[in-house]
Protein backbone atom coordinates (compact mmCIF):
# COMPACT_ATOMS: atom_id res chain seq x y z
CA UNK A 1 15.00 1.19 -3.85
CA UNK A 2 12.55 -1.56 -2.97
CA UNK A 3 10.07 0.90 -1.47
CA UNK A 4 9.65 2.52 -4.90
CA UNK A 5 8.60 -0.73 -6.59
CA UNK A 6 5.01 -0.60 -5.37
CA UNK A 7 2.87 2.47 -4.73
CA UNK A 8 4.28 5.96 -4.62
CA UNK A 9 7.23 6.78 -6.83
CA UNK A 10 9.72 9.56 -6.27
CA UNK A 11 7.88 12.89 -6.06
CA UNK A 12 4.54 11.29 -5.24
CA UNK A 13 4.96 11.02 -1.48
CA UNK A 14 4.68 14.74 -0.76
CA UNK A 15 1.58 16.04 0.93
CA UNK A 16 0.22 17.77 -2.16
CA UNK A 17 0.31 14.60 -4.26
CA UNK A 18 -1.29 12.54 -1.49
CA UNK A 19 -4.03 15.11 -0.97
CA UNK A 20 -4.70 15.31 -4.72
CA UNK A 21 -5.17 11.55 -4.88
CA UNK A 22 -7.46 11.57 -1.85
CA UNK A 23 -9.59 14.39 -3.26
CA UNK A 24 -9.82 12.65 -6.62
CA UNK A 25 -10.91 9.43 -4.93
CA UNK A 26 -13.58 11.27 -2.95
CA UNK A 27 -14.58 13.37 -5.96
CA UNK A 28 -14.06 16.50 -3.90
CA UNK A 29 -12.99 19.65 -5.71
CA UNK A 30 -10.17 21.72 -4.18
CA UNK A 31 -12.35 24.82 -4.38
CA UNK A 32 -15.00 23.13 -2.24
CA UNK A 33 -12.38 22.00 0.28
CA UNK A 34 -10.92 25.51 0.49
CA UNK A 35 -14.37 26.92 1.24
CA UNK A 36 -15.01 24.21 3.82
CA UNK A 37 -11.82 24.95 5.78
CA UNK A 38 -12.22 28.71 5.20
CA UNK A 39 -8.83 29.36 3.60
CA UNK A 40 -8.03 31.23 0.39
CA UNK A 41 -8.08 28.89 -2.58
CA UNK A 42 -4.56 29.96 -3.52
CA UNK A 43 -3.24 28.81 -0.12
CA UNK A 44 -4.56 25.33 -0.79
CA UNK A 45 -3.56 25.33 -4.47
CA UNK A 46 0.14 25.95 -3.83
CA UNK A 47 0.13 23.07 -1.34
CA UNK A 48 -1.66 20.75 -3.76
CA UNK A 49 0.89 21.56 -6.47
CA UNK A 50 3.81 21.03 -4.10
CA UNK A 51 4.97 24.62 -4.46
CA UNK A 52 4.79 25.21 -0.72
CA UNK A 53 4.78 22.91 2.29
CA UNK A 54 1.57 22.96 4.32
CA UNK A 55 1.68 25.12 7.44
CA UNK A 56 0.66 23.45 10.72
CA UNK A 57 -2.48 25.61 11.09
CA UNK A 58 -3.67 24.46 7.66
CA UNK A 59 -3.09 20.80 8.58
CA UNK A 60 -5.15 21.25 11.73
CA UNK A 61 -8.01 22.79 9.76
CA UNK A 62 -7.92 20.13 7.07
CA UNK A 63 -8.24 17.22 9.53
CA UNK A 64 -11.92 17.63 10.50
CA UNK A 65 -12.85 18.60 6.95
CA UNK A 66 -11.34 15.35 5.68
CA UNK A 67 -12.70 13.26 8.56
CA UNK A 68 -9.20 12.30 9.69
CA UNK A 69 -7.41 12.49 13.01
CA UNK A 70 -5.27 15.60 13.18
CA UNK A 71 -2.18 13.60 14.13
CA UNK A 72 -2.67 11.45 11.04
CA UNK A 73 -2.83 14.51 8.78
CA UNK A 74 0.60 15.50 10.10
CA UNK A 75 1.78 11.97 9.26
CA UNK A 76 0.38 12.32 5.74
CA UNK A 77 2.38 15.54 5.45
CA UNK A 78 5.52 13.75 6.64
CA UNK A 79 5.79 16.20 9.53
CA UNK A 80 6.55 15.47 13.17
CA UNK A 81 3.43 15.21 15.29
CA UNK A 82 3.03 18.29 17.53
CA UNK A 83 3.50 17.57 21.22
CA UNK A 84 -0.13 18.32 22.07
CA UNK A 85 -1.27 15.57 19.69
CA UNK A 86 1.02 12.82 21.00
CA UNK A 87 -0.02 10.20 23.61
CA UNK A 88 0.47 11.42 27.18
CA UNK A 89 2.30 8.25 28.27
CA UNK A 90 4.75 6.96 25.68
CA UNK A 91 5.47 3.91 27.85
CA UNK A 92 1.85 2.75 27.79
CA UNK A 93 1.83 1.46 24.23
CA UNK A 94 3.45 -1.82 25.20
CA UNK A 95 0.27 -2.69 27.14
CA UNK A 96 -2.12 -2.09 24.24
CA UNK A 97 -1.64 -5.50 22.53
CA UNK A 98 -2.58 -7.29 25.74
CA UNK A 99 -5.78 -5.26 25.99
CA UNK A 100 -6.60 -6.19 22.40
CA UNK A 101 -5.98 -9.87 23.13
CA UNK A 102 -8.40 -9.78 26.05
CA UNK A 103 -10.93 -7.72 24.08
CA UNK A 104 -10.85 -10.16 21.15
CA UNK A 105 -12.09 -12.93 23.45
CA UNK A 106 -15.23 -10.99 24.39
CA UNK A 107 -18.67 -11.43 22.80
CA UNK A 108 -19.98 -8.29 21.03
CA UNK A 109 -22.06 -7.08 23.99
CA UNK A 110 -19.16 -7.31 26.43
CA UNK A 111 -16.85 -5.78 23.83
CA UNK A 112 -19.13 -2.74 23.65
CA UNK A 113 -19.19 -2.58 27.45
CA UNK A 114 -15.40 -2.53 27.48
CA UNK A 115 -15.31 0.25 24.89
CA UNK A 116 -17.69 2.34 26.97
CA UNK A 117 -15.47 1.77 29.99
CA UNK A 118 -12.41 2.93 28.04
CA UNK A 119 -14.27 6.05 26.90
CA UNK A 120 -15.26 6.82 30.49
CA UNK A 121 -11.70 6.93 31.80
CA UNK A 122 -10.44 10.47 32.44
CA UNK A 123 -7.73 12.05 30.35
CA UNK A 124 -4.54 12.09 32.41
CA UNK A 125 -2.17 15.03 32.42
CA UNK A 126 1.20 14.71 30.76
CA UNK A 127 3.85 14.21 33.44
CA UNK A 128 6.93 13.72 31.27
CA UNK A 129 8.33 15.54 28.25
CA UNK A 130 7.51 14.06 24.87
CA UNK A 131 10.44 11.74 24.05
CA UNK A 132 12.58 12.26 20.99
CA UNK A 133 11.75 10.07 18.01
CA UNK A 134 14.20 7.13 17.97
CA UNK A 135 16.54 7.13 14.95
CA UNK A 136 15.04 3.85 13.74
CA UNK A 137 11.66 5.52 13.40
CA UNK A 138 12.98 8.33 11.21
CA UNK A 139 11.72 6.89 7.95
CA UNK A 140 12.47 8.06 4.42
CA UNK A 141 9.37 9.30 2.57
CA UNK A 142 7.19 6.55 1.19
CA UNK A 143 3.92 4.67 1.65
CA UNK A 144 5.30 2.33 4.31
CA UNK A 145 6.59 5.29 6.28
CA UNK A 146 3.14 6.85 6.22
CA UNK A 147 1.37 3.79 7.62
CA UNK A 148 4.03 3.15 10.25
CA UNK A 149 3.84 6.79 11.37
CA UNK A 150 0.08 6.47 11.68
CA UNK A 151 0.51 3.41 13.91
CA UNK A 152 3.08 5.28 15.99
CA UNK A 153 0.39 7.94 16.46
CA UNK A 154 -1.54 5.17 18.19
CA UNK A 155 1.29 4.74 20.71
CA UNK A 156 2.53 1.51 19.12
CA UNK A 157 6.25 0.85 18.68
CA UNK A 158 7.64 -1.93 16.51
CA UNK A 159 7.17 -4.77 19.06
CA UNK A 160 3.65 -3.57 19.90
CA UNK A 161 2.83 -3.31 16.19
CA UNK A 162 4.02 -6.88 15.61
CA UNK A 163 1.94 -8.20 18.52
CA UNK A 164 -1.11 -6.22 17.39
CA UNK A 165 -0.88 -7.53 13.84
CA UNK A 166 -0.59 -11.08 15.17
CA UNK A 167 -3.59 -10.67 17.46
CA UNK A 168 -5.89 -8.90 15.01
CA UNK A 169 -4.85 -9.93 11.49
CA UNK A 170 -2.94 -13.17 12.22
CA UNK A 171 0.08 -11.81 10.36
CA UNK A 172 2.99 -13.06 12.47
CA UNK A 173 6.00 -11.00 11.52
CA UNK A 174 9.03 -9.99 13.54
CA UNK A 175 9.02 -6.44 14.86
CA UNK A 176 12.04 -5.61 12.70
CA UNK A 177 10.12 -6.65 9.58
CA UNK A 178 7.60 -3.90 10.19
CA UNK A 179 10.51 -1.53 10.58
CA UNK A 180 11.64 -2.58 7.10
CA UNK A 181 8.20 -1.64 5.77
CA UNK A 182 8.64 1.83 7.24
CA UNK A 183 12.10 2.20 5.72
CA UNK A 184 10.97 1.01 2.31
CA UNK A 185 13.07 -2.14 2.39
CA UNK A 186 10.01 -4.41 2.36
CA UNK A 187 7.32 -3.57 -0.20
CA UNK A 188 3.87 -2.50 0.89
CA UNK A 189 1.70 -4.97 -1.02
CA UNK A 190 -2.08 -4.76 -1.49
CA UNK A 191 -2.63 -7.58 1.02
CA UNK A 192 -0.41 -5.89 3.60
CA UNK A 193 -2.21 -2.58 3.04
CA UNK A 194 -5.50 -4.32 3.80
CA UNK A 195 -4.06 -5.57 7.10
CA UNK A 196 -2.96 -2.05 8.04
CA UNK A 197 -6.47 -0.85 7.25
CA UNK A 198 -7.88 -3.24 9.86
CA UNK A 199 -5.82 -1.46 12.54
CA UNK A 200 -6.27 2.13 11.38
CA UNK A 201 -9.69 3.76 11.64
CA UNK A 202 -9.26 5.16 8.13
CA UNK A 203 -11.27 3.66 5.26
CA UNK A 204 -9.22 1.18 3.26
CA UNK A 205 -9.97 2.94 -0.02
CA UNK A 206 -8.71 6.22 1.47
CA UNK A 207 -5.49 4.50 2.51
CA UNK A 208 -5.19 3.14 -1.00
CA UNK A 209 -5.53 6.64 -2.43
CA UNK A 210 -3.04 8.10 0.03
CA UNK A 211 -0.38 5.45 -0.56
CA UNK A 212 -0.95 4.71 -4.22
CA UNK A 213 -1.27 1.00 -3.36
CA UNK A 214 -4.28 -0.82 -4.86
CA UNK A 215 -6.48 -2.84 -2.57
CA UNK A 216 -6.37 -6.63 -2.99
CA UNK A 217 -8.95 -8.32 -5.14
CA UNK A 218 -11.72 -9.99 -3.13
CA UNK A 219 -10.44 -13.17 -1.58
CA UNK A 220 -9.83 -14.37 1.92
CA UNK A 221 -11.90 -12.15 4.23
CA UNK A 222 -10.10 -10.15 6.88
CA UNK A 223 -10.82 -10.84 10.56
CA UNK A 224 -14.10 -9.29 11.67
CA UNK A 225 -12.94 -7.83 14.97
CA UNK A 226 -15.62 -5.39 16.14
CA UNK A 227 -14.45 -1.78 15.96
CA UNK A 228 -10.87 -2.76 16.76
CA UNK A 229 -9.39 0.26 14.98
CA UNK A 230 -11.57 2.63 16.98
CA UNK A 231 -10.60 0.87 20.21
CA UNK A 232 -6.90 1.17 19.34
CA UNK A 233 -7.33 4.91 18.86
CA UNK A 234 -9.20 5.27 22.15
CA UNK A 235 -6.52 3.31 24.02
CA UNK A 236 -3.72 5.60 22.80
CA UNK A 237 -4.68 8.38 25.21
CA UNK A 238 -4.46 6.22 28.35
CA UNK A 239 -1.59 5.76 30.78
CA UNK A 240 -0.06 2.38 31.50
CA UNK A 241 -1.90 2.17 34.84
CA UNK A 242 -5.21 2.92 33.11
CA UNK A 243 -4.50 0.22 30.52
CA UNK A 244 -3.93 -2.26 33.32
CA UNK A 245 -7.38 -1.30 34.64
CA UNK A 246 -8.83 -1.95 31.18
CA UNK A 247 -7.17 -5.38 31.10
CA UNK A 248 -8.63 -6.24 34.50
CA UNK A 249 -12.06 -5.10 33.34
CA UNK A 250 -11.84 -7.21 30.17
CA UNK A 251 -10.94 -10.28 32.22
CA UNK A 252 -13.83 -9.62 34.59
CA UNK A 253 -16.24 -9.25 31.67
CA UNK A 254 -15.08 -12.55 30.24
CA UNK A 255 -15.37 -14.37 33.57
CA UNK A 256 -18.50 -12.68 34.90
CA UNK A 257 -20.48 -11.19 32.01
CA UNK A 258 -23.10 -8.61 33.03
CA UNK A 259 -26.75 -9.62 33.16
CA UNK A 260 -28.92 -8.65 30.20
């Protein structure tokens, strides 16, 4: 299969293998990690060796120890994201690319003002059940599936992912092409991995360790969009009406910047 050409090979996409690579990259011993998350070393060892699948409580404890979002640790494990970790408004993701377009036009000071405004918005209550995962987003195990699942954790579907890539990285692909990455039908190349890293607030070298994909050699610099990955994560928790407020605020900041 095309997805096996680059990165993880069969048997290397399980959680234990990914965690082993990440720990090796960070030079973190499993014994130290077990102590840090306060679990018996054997419980972590059987997961690292692939003998047992990680239990949800272990995944939740590993997330802060590894400096990762809990929802992303579930993605690394290839497990469905628990309902309490999913965005409260699944329909809101379509508005995120527009916010990013407006934010990209702001000078750094106004960009920071917009981020503070986003952080100040209250967390809305969930009013609808968490929707079922569409069949097209049920990916076979692989590095592309991991990165697509992490973007879905940010409330981005295929069209929103395509628009976000175009806005932030200038990679203009059809939405279906990103779906092919998730299904392993389009290889995850080093250059493409670097573009994903721009959108995910996970260090690029960590993503390289998790996927088994090397980073590209130094060349054309990636867009220097201030803290865009952090902003994407902060936007995921908002409702569509709140995102419209953010868009209005971004436009106002661009038209009438605040006084120094």
